[in-house]
Amino acid sequence: MLEALHAHFPRNAEITEPKGGMHLWVVLPEELSALELLKTAISQGYGFAPGPLFFADGRGTNCLRLNFSTHAPGVIREAIARLGRLLQARPAASL
């Protein structure tokens, strides 16, 4: 997943490199909306946990939590590539 994120996500995205666990945390540039990205991703048959689910005060609108423990590596690589294409295909204001 880390390789795919570094290959397909914006260079200015902050990507955690956990030492354990089942999830990665990604912080997109502030002008991008994880909620809008999620709507589009769901319409195409895949998803992720958007950041606001993890903040009581509604912060994290530009954050994603990605699970890497439930799918095969090839499925993960393809899903990350698809998310990356969605991020690149839209103007910042629409995400």
PDB file of N, CA and C in Angstrom:
ATOM      1  N   MET A   1       0.829  -1.187   0.000  1.00  0.00           N
ATOM      2  CA  MET A   1       0.000   0.000   0.000  1.00  0.00           C
ATOM      3  C   MET A   1       0.874   1.252   0.000  1.00  0.00           C
ATOM      4  N   LEU A   2       1.925   1.249   0.795  1.00  0.00           N
ATOM      5  CA  LEU A   2       2.800   2.423   0.844  1.00  0.00           C
ATOM      6  C   LEU A   2       3.387   2.728  -0.529  1.00  0.00           C
ATOM      7  N   GLU A   3       3.866   1.705  -1.221  1.00  0.00           N
ATOM      8  CA  GLU A   3       4.426   1.920  -2.561  1.00  0.00           C
ATOM      9  C   GLU A   3       3.390   2.522  -3.497  1.00  0.00           C
ATOM     10  N   ALA A   4       2.174   1.995  -3.455  1.00  0.00           N
ATOM     11  CA  ALA A   4       1.111   2.507  -4.324  1.00  0.00           C
ATOM     12  C   ALA A   4       0.749   3.945  -3.971  1.00  0.00           C
ATOM     13  N   LEU A   5       0.685   4.258  -2.681  1.00  0.00           N
ATOM     14  CA  LEU A   5       0.383   5.634  -2.263  1.00  0.00           C
ATOM     15  C   LEU A   5       1.447   6.604  -2.756  1.00  0.00           C
ATOM     16  N   HIS A   6       2.703   6.224  -2.592  1.00  0.00           N
ATOM     17  CA  HIS A   6       3.781   7.113  -3.040  1.00  0.00           C
ATOM     18  C   HIS A   6       3.790   7.266  -4.567  1.00  0.00           C
ATOM     19  N   ALA A   7       3.331   6.243  -5.271  1.00  0.00           N
ATOM     20  CA  ALA A   7       3.311   6.299  -6.733  1.00  0.00           C
ATOM     21  C   ALA A   7       2.109   7.076  -7.285  1.00  0.00           C
ATOM     22  N   HIS A   8       0.968   7.041  -6.582  1.00  0.00           N
ATOM     23  CA  HIS A   8      -0.274   7.558  -7.180  1.00  0.00           C
ATOM     24  C   HIS A   8      -0.902   8.760  -6.487  1.00  0.00           C
ATOM     25  N   PHE A   9      -0.523   9.042  -5.266  1.00  0.00           N
ATOM     26  CA  PHE A   9      -1.142  10.156  -4.543  1.00  0.00           C
ATOM     27  C   PHE A   9      -0.318  11.432  -4.729  1.00  0.00           C
ATOM     28  N   PRO A  10      -0.933  12.584  -4.463  1.00  0.00           N
ATOM     29  CA  PRO A  10      -0.187  13.843  -4.609  1.00  0.00           C
ATOM     30  C   PRO A  10       1.087  13.829  -3.769  1.00  0.00           C
ATOM     31  N   ARG A  11       2.120  14.416  -4.297  1.00  0.00           N
ATOM     32  CA  ARG A  11       3.418  14.462  -3.602  1.00  0.00           C
ATOM     33  C   ARG A  11       3.330  15.148  -2.248  1.00  0.00           C
ATOM     34  N   ASN A  12       2.392  16.083  -2.101  1.00  0.00           N
ATOM     35  CA  ASN A  12       2.277  16.810  -0.835  1.00  0.00           C
ATOM     36  C   ASN A  12       1.318  16.148   0.148  1.00  0.00           C
ATOM     37  N   ALA A  13       0.866  14.930  -0.146  1.00  0.00           N
ATOM     38  CA  ALA A  13       0.072  14.175   0.822  1.00  0.00           C
ATOM     39  C   ALA A  13       1.017  13.633   1.900  1.00  0.00           C
ATOM     40  N   GLU A  14       0.571  13.686   3.145  1.00  0.00           N
ATOM     41  CA  GLU A  14       1.352  13.127   4.254  1.00  0.00           C
ATOM     42  C   GLU A  14       0.853  11.707   4.498  1.00  0.00           C
ATOM     43  N   ILE A  15       1.751  10.748   4.425  1.00  0.00           N
ATOM     44  CA  ILE A  15       1.393   9.336   4.548  1.00  0.00           C
ATOM     45  C   ILE A  15       2.133   8.746   5.734  1.00  0.00           C
ATOM     46  N   THR A  16       1.377   8.167   6.677  1.00  0.00           N
ATOM     47  CA  THR A  16       2.025   7.539   7.831  1.00  0.00           C
ATOM     48  C   THR A  16       2.698   6.249   7.387  1.00  0.00           C
ATOM     49  N   GLU A  17       3.725   5.882   8.088  1.00  0.00           N
ATOM     50  CA  GLU A  17       4.383   4.599   7.865  1.00  0.00           C
ATOM     51  C   GLU A  17       4.386   3.871   9.205  1.00  0.00           C
ATOM     52  N   PRO A  18       3.263   3.182   9.496  1.00  0.00           N
ATOM     53  CA  PRO A  18       3.108   2.577  10.819  1.00  0.00           C
ATOM     54  C   PRO A  18       4.086   1.430  11.065  1.00  0.00           C
ATOM     55  N   LYS A  19       4.390   1.222  12.309  1.00  0.00           N
ATOM     56  CA  LYS A  19       5.261   0.115  12.700  1.00  0.00           C
ATOM     57  C   LYS A  19       4.429  -1.129  13.024  1.00  0.00           C
ATOM     58  N   GLY A  20       3.122  -1.012  13.005  1.00  0.00           N
ATOM     59  CA  GLY A  20       2.214  -2.126  13.272  1.00  0.00           C
ATOM     60  C   GLY A  20       0.796  -1.696  12.960  1.00  0.00           C
ATOM     61  N   GLY A  21      -0.149  -2.541  13.299  1.00  0.00           N
ATOM     62  CA  GLY A  21      -1.552  -2.211  13.089  1.00  0.00           C
ATOM     63  C   GLY A  21      -2.075  -2.675  11.750  1.00  0.00           C
ATOM     64  N   MET A  22      -3.217  -2.120  11.367  1.00  0.00           N
ATOM     65  CA  MET A  22      -3.906  -2.548  10.146  1.00  0.00           C
ATOM     66  C   MET A  22      -4.280  -1.385   9.236  1.00  0.00           C
ATOM     67  N   HIS A  23      -3.890  -0.162   9.604  1.00  0.00           N
ATOM     68  CA  HIS A  23      -4.340   1.009   8.861  1.00  0.00           C
ATOM     69  C   HIS A  23      -3.197   1.980   8.598  1.00  0.00           C
ATOM     70  N   LEU A  24      -3.367   2.727   7.533  1.00  0.00           N
ATOM     71  CA  LEU A  24      -2.506   3.872   7.232  1.00  0.00           C
ATOM     72  C   LEU A  24      -3.364   5.124   7.324  1.00  0.00           C
ATOM     73  N   TRP A  25      -2.752   6.205   7.720  1.00  0.00           N
ATOM     74  CA  TRP A  25      -3.425   7.498   7.792  1.00  0.00           C
ATOM     75  C   TRP A  25      -2.801   8.389   6.729  1.00  0.00           C
ATOM     76  N   VAL A  26      -3.658   9.015   5.926  1.00  0.00           N
ATOM     77  CA  VAL A  26      -3.195   9.913   4.868  1.00  0.00           C
ATOM     78  C   VAL A  26      -3.823  11.275   5.088  1.00  0.00           C
ATOM     79  N   VAL A  27      -2.999  12.307   5.062  1.00  0.00           N
ATOM     80  CA  VAL A  27      -3.476  13.685   5.135  1.00  0.00           C
ATOM     81  C   VAL A  27      -3.254  14.303   3.754  1.00  0.00           C
ATOM     82  N   LEU A  28      -4.351  14.616   3.098  1.00  0.00           N
ATOM     83  CA  LEU A  28      -4.293  15.266   1.787  1.00  0.00           C
ATOM     84  C   LEU A  28      -4.112  16.767   1.977  1.00  0.00           C
ATOM     85  N   PRO A  29      -3.741  17.481   0.924  1.00  0.00           N
ATOM     86  CA  PRO A  29      -3.708  18.938   1.032  1.00  0.00           C
ATOM     87  C   PRO A  29      -5.058  19.458   1.541  1.00  0.00           C
ATOM     88  N   GLU A  30      -5.025  20.535   2.310  1.00  0.00           N
ATOM     89  CA  GLU A  30      -6.229  21.032   2.990  1.00  0.00           C
ATOM     90  C   GLU A  30      -7.388  21.347   2.064  1.00  0.00           C
ATOM     91  N   GLU A  31      -7.113  21.715   0.842  1.00  0.00           N
ATOM     92  CA  GLU A  31      -8.202  22.096  -0.062  1.00  0.00           C
ATOM     93  C   GLU A  31      -8.955  20.880  -0.621  1.00  0.00           C
ATOM     94  N   LEU A  32      -8.479  19.683  -0.367  1.00  0.00           N
ATOM     95  CA  LEU A  32      -9.143  18.476  -0.852  1.00  0.00           C
ATOM     96  C   LEU A  32     -10.092  17.915   0.201  1.00  0.00           C
ATOM     97  N   SER A  33     -11.192  17.359  -0.254  1.00  0.00           N
ATOM     98  CA  SER A  33     -12.203  16.808   0.649  1.00  0.00           C
ATOM     99  C   SER A  33     -12.250  15.286   0.539  1.00  0.00           C
ATOM    100  N   ALA A  34     -11.926  14.622   1.632  1.00  0.00           N
ATOM    101  CA  ALA A  34     -12.025  13.168   1.670  1.00  0.00           C
ATOM    102  C   ALA A  34     -13.480  12.725   1.516  1.00  0.00           C
ATOM    103  N   LEU A  35     -14.411  13.536   1.999  1.00  0.00           N
ATOM    104  CA  LEU A  35     -15.827  13.181   1.897  1.00  0.00           C
ATOM    105  C   LEU A  35     -16.297  13.165   0.442  1.00  0.00           C
ATOM    106  N   GLU A  36     -15.877  14.136  -0.330  1.00  0.00           N
ATOM    107  CA  GLU A  36     -16.237  14.165  -1.755  1.00  0.00           C
ATOM    108  C   GLU A  36     -15.540  13.025  -2.498  1.00  0.00           C
ATOM    109  N   LEU A  37     -14.285  12.772  -2.156  1.00  0.00           N
ATOM    110  CA  LEU A  37     -13.559  11.656  -2.756  1.00  0.00           C
ATOM    111  C   LEU A  37     -14.273  10.341  -2.449  1.00  0.00           C
ATOM    112  N   LEU A  38     -14.742  10.189  -1.221  1.00  0.00           N
ATOM    113  CA  LEU A  38     -15.441   8.970  -0.822  1.00  0.00           C
ATOM    114  C   LEU A  38     -16.724   8.772  -1.635  1.00  0.00           C
ATOM    115  N   LYS A  39     -17.486   9.844  -1.844  1.00  0.00           N
ATOM    116  CA  LYS A  39     -18.720   9.732  -2.639  1.00  0.00           C
ATOM    117  C   LYS A  39     -18.419   9.164  -4.025  1.00  0.00           C
ATOM    118  N   THR A  40     -17.391   9.688  -4.655  1.00  0.00           N
ATOM    119  CA  THR A  40     -17.029   9.217  -5.988  1.00  0.00           C
ATOM    120  C   THR A  40     -16.512   7.792  -5.931  1.00  0.00           C
ATOM    121  N   ALA A  41     -15.678   7.489  -4.954  1.00  0.00           N
ATOM    122  CA  ALA A  41     -15.129   6.133  -4.830  1.00  0.00           C
ATOM    123  C   ALA A  41     -16.247   5.117  -4.625  1.00  0.00           C
ATOM    124  N   ILE A  42     -17.197   5.424  -3.756  1.00  0.00           N
ATOM    125  CA  ILE A  42     -18.309   4.505  -3.497  1.00  0.00           C
ATOM    126  C   ILE A  42     -19.120   4.268  -4.764  1.00  0.00           C
ATOM    127  N   SER A  43     -19.312   5.317  -5.555  1.00  0.00           N
ATOM    128  CA  SER A  43     -20.075   5.155  -6.802  1.00  0.00           C
ATOM    129  C   SER A  43     -19.351   4.229  -7.776  1.00  0.00           C
ATOM    130  N   GLN A  44     -18.052   4.027  -7.564  1.00  0.00           N
ATOM    131  CA  GLN A  44     -17.257   3.143  -8.417  1.00  0.00           C
ATOM    132  C   GLN A  44     -16.947   1.804  -7.740  1.00  0.00           C
ATOM    133  N   GLY A  45     -17.537   1.569  -6.571  1.00  0.00           N
ATOM    134  CA  GLY A  45     -17.446   0.263  -5.957  1.00  0.00           C
ATOM    135  C   GLY A  45     -16.356   0.039  -4.932  1.00  0.00           C
ATOM    136  N   TYR A  46     -15.745   1.095  -4.423  1.00  0.00           N
ATOM    137  CA  TYR A  46     -14.733   0.925  -3.383  1.00  0.00           C
ATOM    138  C   TYR A  46     -14.804   2.091  -2.414  1.00  0.00           C
ATOM    139  N   GLY A  47     -14.124   1.972  -1.287  1.00  0.00           N
ATOM    140  CA  GLY A  47     -14.215   3.028  -0.291  1.00  0.00           C
ATOM    141  C   GLY A  47     -13.066   3.021   0.691  1.00  0.00           C
ATOM    142  N   PHE A  48     -13.186   3.881   1.674  1.00  0.00           N
ATOM    143  CA  PHE A  48     -12.202   4.054   2.736  1.00  0.00           C
ATOM    144  C   PHE A  48     -12.914   4.768   3.879  1.00  0.00           C
ATOM    145  N   ALA A  49     -12.251   4.908   4.986  1.00  0.00           N
ATOM    146  CA  ALA A  49     -12.834   5.626   6.125  1.00  0.00           C
ATOM    147  C   ALA A  49     -12.366   7.081   6.073  1.00  0.00           C
ATOM    148  N   PRO A  50     -13.292   8.037   5.936  1.00  0.00           N
ATOM    149  CA  PRO A  50     -12.898   9.445   5.885  1.00  0.00           C
ATOM    150  C   PRO A  50     -12.526   9.968   7.269  1.00  0.00           C
ATOM    151  N   GLY A  51     -11.607  10.903   7.298  1.00  0.00           N
ATOM    152  CA  GLY A  51     -11.083  11.449   8.538  1.00  0.00           C
ATOM    153  C   GLY A  51     -12.084  11.936   9.561  1.00  0.00           C
ATOM    154  N   PRO A  52     -13.173  12.623   9.176  1.00  0.00           N
ATOM    155  CA  PRO A  52     -14.091  13.142  10.195  1.00  0.00           C
ATOM    156  C   PRO A  52     -14.676  12.076  11.124  1.00  0.00           C
ATOM    157  N   LEU A  53     -14.669  10.816  10.715  1.00  0.00           N
ATOM    158  CA  LEU A  53     -15.145   9.751  11.598  1.00  0.00           C
ATOM    159  C   LEU A  53     -14.295   9.618  12.860  1.00  0.00           C
ATOM    160  N   PHE A  54     -13.080  10.144  12.826  1.00  0.00           N
ATOM    161  CA  PHE A  54     -12.128   9.948  13.917  1.00  0.00           C
ATOM    162  C   PHE A  54     -11.882  11.203  14.743  1.00  0.00           C
ATOM    163  N   PHE A  55     -12.661  12.247  14.494  1.00  0.00           N
ATOM    164  CA  PHE A  55     -12.545  13.490  15.238  1.00  0.00           C
ATOM    165  C   PHE A  55     -13.924  13.908  15.740  1.00  0.00           C
ATOM    166  N   ALA A  56     -14.061  14.149  17.012  1.00  0.00           N
ATOM    167  CA  ALA A  56     -15.351  14.543  17.586  1.00  0.00           C
ATOM    168  C   ALA A  56     -15.781  15.937  17.124  1.00  0.00           C
ATOM    169  N   ASP A  57     -14.818  16.769  16.737  1.00  0.00           N
ATOM    170  CA  ASP A  57     -15.140  18.151  16.379  1.00  0.00           C
ATOM    171  C   ASP A  57     -15.261  18.385  14.871  1.00  0.00           C
ATOM    172  N   GLY A  58     -15.275  17.317  14.062  1.00  0.00           N
ATOM    173  CA  GLY A  58     -15.462  17.471  12.625  1.00  0.00           C
ATOM    174  C   GLY A  58     -14.207  17.736  11.824  1.00  0.00           C
ATOM    175  N   ARG A  59     -13.060  17.797  12.500  1.00  0.00           N
ATOM    176  CA  ARG A  59     -11.810  17.994  11.754  1.00  0.00           C
ATOM    177  C   ARG A  59     -11.517  16.770  10.893  1.00  0.00           C
ATOM    178  N   GLY A  60     -10.471  16.830  10.139  1.00  0.00           N
ATOM    179  CA  GLY A  60     -10.025  15.692   9.348  1.00  0.00           C
ATOM    180  C   GLY A  60     -10.707  15.546   8.005  1.00  0.00           C
ATOM    181  N   THR A  61     -11.318  16.624   7.524  1.00  0.00           N
ATOM    182  CA  THR A  61     -12.043  16.523   6.253  1.00  0.00           C
ATOM    183  C   THR A  61     -11.126  16.207   5.081  1.00  0.00           C
ATOM    184  N   ASN A  62      -9.840  16.403   5.243  1.00  0.00           N
ATOM    185  CA  ASN A  62      -8.883  16.100   4.180  1.00  0.00           C
ATOM    186  C   ASN A  62      -8.064  14.844   4.497  1.00  0.00           C
ATOM    187  N   CYS A  63      -8.569  13.992   5.394  1.00  0.00           N
ATOM    188  CA  CYS A  63      -7.825  12.808   5.835  1.00  0.00           C
ATOM    189  C   CYS A  63      -8.538  11.516   5.453  1.00  0.00           C
ATOM    190  N   LEU A  64      -7.738  10.460   5.248  1.00  0.00           N
ATOM    191  CA  LEU A  64      -8.252   9.134   4.935  1.00  0.00           C
ATOM    192  C   LEU A  64      -7.611   8.119   5.870  1.00  0.00           C
ATOM    193  N   ARG A  65      -8.383   7.137   6.291  1.00  0.00           N
ATOM    194  CA  ARG A  65      -7.802   5.991   6.991  1.00  0.00           C
ATOM    195  C   ARG A  65      -8.006   4.790   6.079  1.00  0.00           C
ATOM    196  N   LEU A  66      -6.916   4.143   5.741  1.00  0.00           N
ATOM    197  CA  LEU A  66      -6.933   3.053   4.771  1.00  0.00           C
ATOM    198  C   LEU A  66      -6.536   1.749   5.442  1.00  0.00           C
ATOM    199  N   ASN A  67      -7.358   0.731   5.274  1.00  0.00           N
ATOM    200  CA  ASN A  67      -7.096  -0.576   5.858  1.00  0.00           C
ATOM    201  C   ASN A  67      -6.307  -1.415   4.860  1.00  0.00           C
ATOM    202  N   PHE A  68      -5.194  -1.968   5.321  1.00  0.00           N
ATOM    203  CA  PHE A  68      -4.392  -2.800   4.429  1.00  0.00           C
ATOM    204  C   PHE A  68      -4.412  -4.275   4.823  1.00  0.00           C
ATOM    205  N   SER A  69      -5.305  -4.664   5.728  1.00  0.00           N
ATOM    206  CA  SER A  69      -5.282  -6.042   6.231  1.00  0.00           C
ATOM    207  C   SER A  69      -6.368  -6.948   5.647  1.00  0.00           C
ATOM    208  N   THR A  70      -7.296  -6.421   4.886  1.00  0.00           N
ATOM    209  CA  THR A  70      -8.433  -7.245   4.464  1.00  0.00           C
ATOM    210  C   THR A  70      -8.418  -7.655   2.992  1.00  0.00           C
ATOM    211  N   HIS A  71      -7.515  -7.110   2.204  1.00  0.00           N
ATOM    212  CA  HIS A  71      -7.501  -7.431   0.774  1.00  0.00           C
ATOM    213  C   HIS A  71      -6.114  -7.867   0.328  1.00  0.00           C
ATOM    214  N   ALA A  72      -6.080  -8.589  -0.760  1.00  0.00           N
ATOM    215  CA  ALA A  72      -4.815  -9.035  -1.345  1.00  0.00           C
ATOM    216  C   ALA A  72      -4.021  -7.825  -1.845  1.00  0.00           C
ATOM    217  N   PRO A  73      -2.696  -7.934  -1.875  1.00  0.00           N
ATOM    218  CA  PRO A  73      -1.866  -6.808  -2.326  1.00  0.00           C
ATOM    219  C   PRO A  73      -2.254  -6.259  -3.700  1.00  0.00           C
ATOM    220  N   GLY A  74      -2.604  -7.111  -4.638  1.00  0.00           N
ATOM    221  CA  GLY A  74      -2.989  -6.632  -5.967  1.00  0.00           C
ATOM    222  C   GLY A  74      -4.263  -5.799  -5.943  1.00  0.00           C
ATOM    223  N   VAL A  75      -5.211  -6.181  -5.114  1.00  0.00           N
ATOM    224  CA  VAL A  75      -6.456  -5.423  -4.969  1.00  0.00           C
ATOM    225  C   VAL A  75      -6.150  -4.060  -4.350  1.00  0.00           C
ATOM    226  N   ILE A  76      -5.287  -4.054  -3.349  1.00  0.00           N
ATOM    227  CA  ILE A  76      -4.901  -2.798  -2.691  1.00  0.00           C
ATOM    228  C   ILE A  76      -4.206  -1.874  -3.684  1.00  0.00           C
ATOM    229  N   ARG A  77      -3.252  -2.408  -4.442  1.00  0.00           N
ATOM    230  CA  ARG A  77      -2.536  -1.571  -5.418  1.00  0.00           C
ATOM    231  C   ARG A  77      -3.503  -0.947  -6.414  1.00  0.00           C
ATOM    232  N   GLU A  78      -4.453  -1.733  -6.911  1.00  0.00           N
ATOM    233  CA  GLU A  78      -5.415  -1.210  -7.883  1.00  0.00           C
ATOM    234  C   GLU A  78      -6.321  -0.158  -7.254  1.00  0.00           C
ATOM    235  N   ALA A  79      -6.795  -0.393  -6.054  1.00  0.00           N
ATOM    236  CA  ALA A  79      -7.669   0.576  -5.383  1.00  0.00           C
ATOM    237  C   ALA A  79      -6.939   1.898  -5.138  1.00  0.00           C
ATOM    238  N   ILE A  80      -5.702   1.833  -4.701  1.00  0.00           N
ATOM    239  CA  ILE A  80      -4.927   3.057  -4.460  1.00  0.00           C
ATOM    240  C   ILE A  80      -4.675   3.786  -5.778  1.00  0.00           C
ATOM    241  N   ALA A  81      -4.382   3.052  -6.833  1.00  0.00           N
ATOM    242  CA  ALA A  81      -4.193   3.681  -8.143  1.00  0.00           C
ATOM    243  C   ALA A  81      -5.477   4.374  -8.587  1.00  0.00           C
ATOM    244  N   ARG A  82      -6.620   3.738  -8.353  1.00  0.00           N
ATOM    245  CA  ARG A  82      -7.904   4.347  -8.729  1.00  0.00           C
ATOM    246  C   ARG A  82      -8.178   5.604  -7.915  1.00  0.00           C
ATOM    247  N   LEU A  83      -7.915   5.561  -6.609  1.00  0.00           N
ATOM    248  CA  LEU A  83      -8.072   6.772  -5.791  1.00  0.00           C
ATOM    249  C   LEU A  83      -7.136   7.870  -6.272  1.00  0.00           C
ATOM    250  N   GLY A  84      -5.920   7.509  -6.590  1.00  0.00           N
ATOM    251  CA  GLY A  84      -4.963   8.491  -7.098  1.00  0.00           C
ATOM    252  C   GLY A  84      -5.440   9.139  -8.385  1.00  0.00           C
ATOM    253  N   ARG A  85      -6.013   8.339  -9.267  1.00  0.00           N
ATOM    254  CA  ARG A  85      -6.550   8.905 -10.516  1.00  0.00           C
ATOM    255  C   ARG A  85      -7.699   9.859 -10.240  1.00  0.00           C
ATOM    256  N   LEU A  86      -8.556   9.517  -9.269  1.00  0.00           N
ATOM    257  CA  LEU A  86      -9.643  10.428  -8.897  1.00  0.00           C
ATOM    258  C   LEU A  86      -9.088  11.750  -8.379  1.00  0.00           C
ATOM    259  N   LEU A  87      -8.054  11.680  -7.566  1.00  0.00           N
ATOM    260  CA  LEU A  87      -7.454  12.901  -7.023  1.00  0.00           C
ATOM    261  C   LEU A  87      -6.849  13.757  -8.132  1.00  0.00           C
ATOM    262  N   GLN A  88      -6.228  13.124  -9.102  1.00  0.00           N
ATOM    263  CA  GLN A  88      -5.582  13.870 -10.186  1.00  0.00           C
ATOM    264  C   GLN A  88      -6.576  14.390 -11.209  1.00  0.00           C
ATOM    265  N   ALA A  89      -7.734  13.732 -11.344  1.00  0.00           N
ATOM    266  CA  ALA A  89      -8.697  14.100 -12.372  1.00  0.00           C
ATOM    267  C   ALA A  89      -9.581  15.271 -12.010  1.00  0.00           C
ATOM    268  N   ARG A  90      -9.612  15.631 -10.745  1.00  0.00           N
ATOM    269  CA  ARG A  90     -10.538  16.683 -10.303  1.00  0.00           C
ATOM    270  C   ARG A  90      -9.778  17.922  -9.859  1.00  0.00           C
ATOM    271  N   PRO A  91     -10.382  19.078 -10.141  1.00  0.00           N
ATOM    272  CA  PRO A  91      -9.810  20.296  -9.578  1.00  0.00           C
ATOM    273  C   PRO A  91      -9.949  20.251  -8.055  1.00  0.00           C
ATOM    274  N   ALA A  92      -9.029  20.852  -7.351  1.00  0.00           N
ATOM    275  CA  ALA A  92      -9.017  20.826  -5.889  1.00  0.00           C
ATOM    276  C   ALA A  92     -10.352  21.277  -5.288  1.00  0.00           C
ATOM    277  N   ALA A  93     -10.986  22.255  -5.889  1.00  0.00           N
ATOM    278  CA  ALA A  93     -12.232  22.793  -5.309  1.00  0.00           C
ATOM    279  C   ALA A  93     -13.366  21.774  -5.342  1.00  0.00           C
ATOM    280  N   SER A  94     -13.308  20.797  -6.242  1.00  0.00           N
ATOM    281  CA  SER A  94     -14.414  19.853  -6.337  1.00  0.00           C
ATOM    282  C   SER A  94     -14.213  18.622  -5.473  1.00  0.00           C
ATOM    283  N   LEU A  95     -13.066  18.472  -4.865  1.00  0.00           N
ATOM    284  CA  LEU A  95     -12.843  17.320  -3.980  1.00  0.00           C
ATOM    285  C   LEU A  95     -12.894  17.755  -2.539  1.00  0.00           C
TER     286      LEU A  95
END
